[in-house]
Amino acid sequence: MGNATNICSDKTGTLTQNRMTVLKGLFADTRCDDTINRVPILVSKRALEFILEGIACCSTARIVYNNSDGGIDEDGNEIIKEEKTPTIIGNKTEAALLLLAQSAWSSNDDTDFRREMARFGQPGGSRILIPFSSQRKSMTVLVNKPTVDVLESL
């Protein structure tokens, strides 16, 4: 989210329900009006991987899926819904980016996308997180890449 000048959202439940959605964006110098379907086609595979890794590593939000919110039937048995419902924990904007990345650009829809991609505490995973500062207007995560002998700043 470094260098973001505007984040536009409506107030008809989006913010109160902690549910924002990414509709348009500029990814790898490519403007996308249909982010879900167009970004994976318009940007290179390496750029998409870098975007996914950046979203995963530079987010403190989490998505938790719950498929047991169908209630209780008359016999006292839990009703399991077919469709899993995401519960957002954390920053709304970060969660919107995670939902976009997880649902549209990744096949990891049953796992915690952020934790899976960031590999916190694992070899080759994120090492240092410098939190967002309104003074700097950015956050930084240093990632140790197992294939190269350098730290990458996202």
Protein backbone atom coordinates (compact mmCIF):
# COMPACT_ATOMS: atom_id res chain seq x y z
CA MET A 1 0.00 0.00 0.00
CA GLY A 2 2.97 2.34 -0.22
CA ASN A 3 2.29 5.42 -2.35
CA ALA A 4 -1.50 4.90 -2.44
CA THR A 5 -3.05 8.32 -2.91
CA ASN A 6 -6.73 7.36 -2.81
CA ILE A 7 -8.72 4.46 -1.47
CA CYS A 8 -12.35 4.86 -2.55
CA SER A 9 -15.11 2.97 -0.79
CA ASP A 10 -18.82 3.29 -0.30
CA LYS A 11 -20.36 3.30 3.14
CA THR A 12 -23.38 1.05 2.48
CA GLY A 13 -22.27 -1.76 4.75
CA THR A 14 -18.84 -2.30 3.21
CA LEU A 15 -16.91 -0.72 6.04
CA THR A 16 -19.28 -1.70 8.85
CA GLN A 17 -19.23 -5.36 7.77
CA ASN A 18 -15.44 -5.26 7.33
CA ARG A 19 -15.90 -6.21 3.66
CA MET A 20 -14.14 -4.19 1.01
CA THR A 21 -13.60 -5.42 -2.55
CA VAL A 22 -10.90 -4.52 -5.05
CA LEU A 23 -12.55 -3.55 -8.35
CA LYS A 24 -9.82 -1.68 -10.23
CA GLY A 25 -6.10 -1.29 -9.83
CA LEU A 26 -2.70 -0.64 -11.31
CA PHE A 27 -0.61 -3.80 -11.19
CA ALA A 28 2.92 -3.99 -12.64
CA ASP A 29 2.29 -0.79 -14.66
CA THR A 30 -0.90 -2.33 -16.07
CA ARG A 31 -4.26 -0.69 -15.39
CA CYS A 32 -6.99 -3.25 -14.75
CA ASP A 33 -10.68 -2.39 -14.59
CA ASP A 34 -11.61 -6.03 -14.00
CA THR A 35 -8.99 -7.06 -11.48
CA ILE A 36 -10.29 -10.56 -10.84
CA ASN A 37 -10.21 -11.79 -14.42
CA ARG A 38 -7.74 -9.52 -16.21
CA VAL A 39 -4.66 -9.23 -13.98
CA PRO A 40 -3.50 -12.85 -14.38
CA ILE A 41 -3.81 -12.44 -18.17
CA LEU A 42 -2.27 -8.97 -18.53
CA VAL A 43 0.82 -9.26 -16.32
CA SER A 44 3.68 -11.73 -16.56
CA LYS A 45 3.74 -14.82 -14.37
CA ARG A 46 6.73 -13.45 -12.42
CA ALA A 47 4.96 -10.11 -11.87
CA LEU A 48 1.85 -11.93 -10.63
CA GLU A 49 3.97 -14.03 -8.23
CA PHE A 50 5.63 -10.86 -6.93
CA ILE A 51 2.22 -9.17 -6.46
CA LEU A 52 0.88 -12.23 -4.60
CA GLU A 53 3.96 -12.40 -2.39
CA GLY A 54 3.74 -8.67 -1.68
CA ILE A 55 0.08 -8.90 -0.71
CA ALA A 56 0.79 -11.90 1.51
CA CYS A 57 3.90 -10.57 3.23
CA CYS A 58 2.82 -6.96 3.62
CA SER A 59 -0.47 -7.71 5.33
CA THR A 60 -1.35 -8.28 8.94
CA ALA A 61 -4.97 -9.15 8.13
CA ARG A 62 -6.17 -12.74 8.05
CA ILE A 63 -9.04 -14.59 6.41
CA VAL A 64 -10.64 -17.41 8.35
CA TYR A 65 -13.20 -19.60 6.60
CA ASN A 66 -16.18 -20.94 8.48
CA ASN A 67 -18.55 -23.40 6.85
CA SER A 68 -20.57 -24.18 9.95
CA ASP A 69 -22.71 -21.04 10.09
CA GLY A 70 -25.84 -22.75 8.83
CA GLY A 71 -27.34 -22.99 12.30
CA ILE A 72 -28.87 -25.99 14.09
CA ASP A 73 -31.61 -28.20 12.66
CA GLU A 74 -34.67 -29.39 14.62
CA ASP A 75 -32.79 -32.51 15.83
CA GLY A 76 -29.96 -30.40 17.27
CA ASN A 77 -27.50 -31.23 14.47
CA GLU A 78 -25.26 -28.56 13.01
CA ILE A 79 -26.21 -27.51 9.47
CA ILE A 80 -23.11 -27.26 7.31
CA LYS A 81 -23.32 -24.82 4.42
CA GLU A 82 -21.75 -25.83 1.13
CA GLU A 83 -20.20 -22.41 0.62
CA LYS A 84 -17.54 -21.33 3.09
CA THR A 85 -17.98 -17.86 4.54
CA PRO A 86 -14.85 -15.74 5.01
CA THR A 87 -14.41 -13.94 8.31
CA ILE A 88 -12.01 -11.02 8.09
CA ILE A 89 -9.64 -10.33 10.96
CA GLY A 90 -7.70 -7.08 10.73
CA ASN A 91 -7.40 -4.16 8.34
CA LYS A 92 -10.24 -3.88 5.79
CA THR A 93 -8.04 -2.74 2.90
CA GLU A 94 -5.48 -5.48 3.47
CA ALA A 95 -8.28 -8.03 3.74
CA ALA A 96 -9.73 -6.89 0.40
CA LEU A 97 -6.35 -7.44 -1.25
CA LEU A 98 -6.02 -10.86 0.42
CA LEU A 99 -9.50 -11.88 -0.75
CA LEU A 100 -8.69 -10.75 -4.28
CA ALA A 101 -5.40 -12.63 -4.34
CA GLN A 102 -6.76 -15.74 -2.68
CA SER A 103 -10.02 -16.11 -4.56
CA ALA A 104 -8.96 -15.05 -8.02
CA TRP A 105 -5.24 -15.51 -8.45
CA SER A 106 -4.36 -18.45 -6.25
CA SER A 107 -5.58 -21.99 -5.74
CA ASN A 108 -5.13 -21.78 -1.96
CA ASP A 109 -8.73 -20.93 -1.09
CA ASP A 110 -8.85 -23.39 1.83
CA THR A 111 -5.72 -22.15 3.59
CA ASP A 112 -4.58 -18.98 5.28
CA PHE A 113 -3.15 -17.38 2.14
CA ARG A 114 -1.08 -14.80 4.00
CA ARG A 115 0.59 -17.28 6.30
CA GLU A 116 1.13 -19.78 3.47
CA MET A 117 2.78 -17.26 1.15
CA ALA A 118 4.73 -15.30 3.76
CA ARG A 119 6.15 -18.42 5.47
CA PHE A 120 6.63 -16.50 8.71
CA GLY A 121 9.19 -18.19 10.92
CA GLN A 122 10.09 -20.83 8.32
CA PRO A 123 13.29 -21.12 6.28
CA GLY A 124 13.15 -18.64 3.43
CA GLY A 125 10.27 -16.79 5.03
CA SER A 126 9.75 -13.23 6.18
CA ARG A 127 12.41 -12.10 8.64
CA ILE A 128 11.79 -8.48 9.56
CA LEU A 129 8.52 -6.53 9.50
CA ILE A 130 8.63 -2.75 9.86
CA PRO A 131 4.99 -1.77 10.51
CA PHE A 132 3.10 0.86 8.54
CA SER A 133 3.88 4.41 9.58
CA SER A 134 1.78 7.38 8.52
CA GLN A 135 4.96 9.44 8.56
CA ARG A 136 6.71 7.11 6.06
CA LYS A 137 3.42 6.18 4.36
CA SER A 138 4.57 2.60 3.88
CA MET A 139 5.51 -0.62 5.61
CA THR A 140 8.43 -2.89 4.84
CA VAL A 141 8.96 -6.62 5.07
CA LEU A 142 12.38 -8.14 4.49
CA VAL A 143 12.13 -11.60 2.97
CA ASN A 144 14.97 -14.10 2.85
CA LYS A 145 14.85 -15.79 -0.57
CA PRO A 146 16.09 -19.40 -0.42
CA THR A 147 17.23 -19.37 -4.06
CA VAL A 148 19.39 -16.25 -3.78
CA ASP A 149 21.74 -15.02 -1.09
CA VAL A 150 20.01 -11.67 -0.49
CA LEU A 151 17.13 -10.20 1.47
CA GLU A 152 14.32 -8.86 -0.70
CA SER A 153 12.41 -5.80 0.49
CA LEU A 154 8.69 -5.82 -0.27
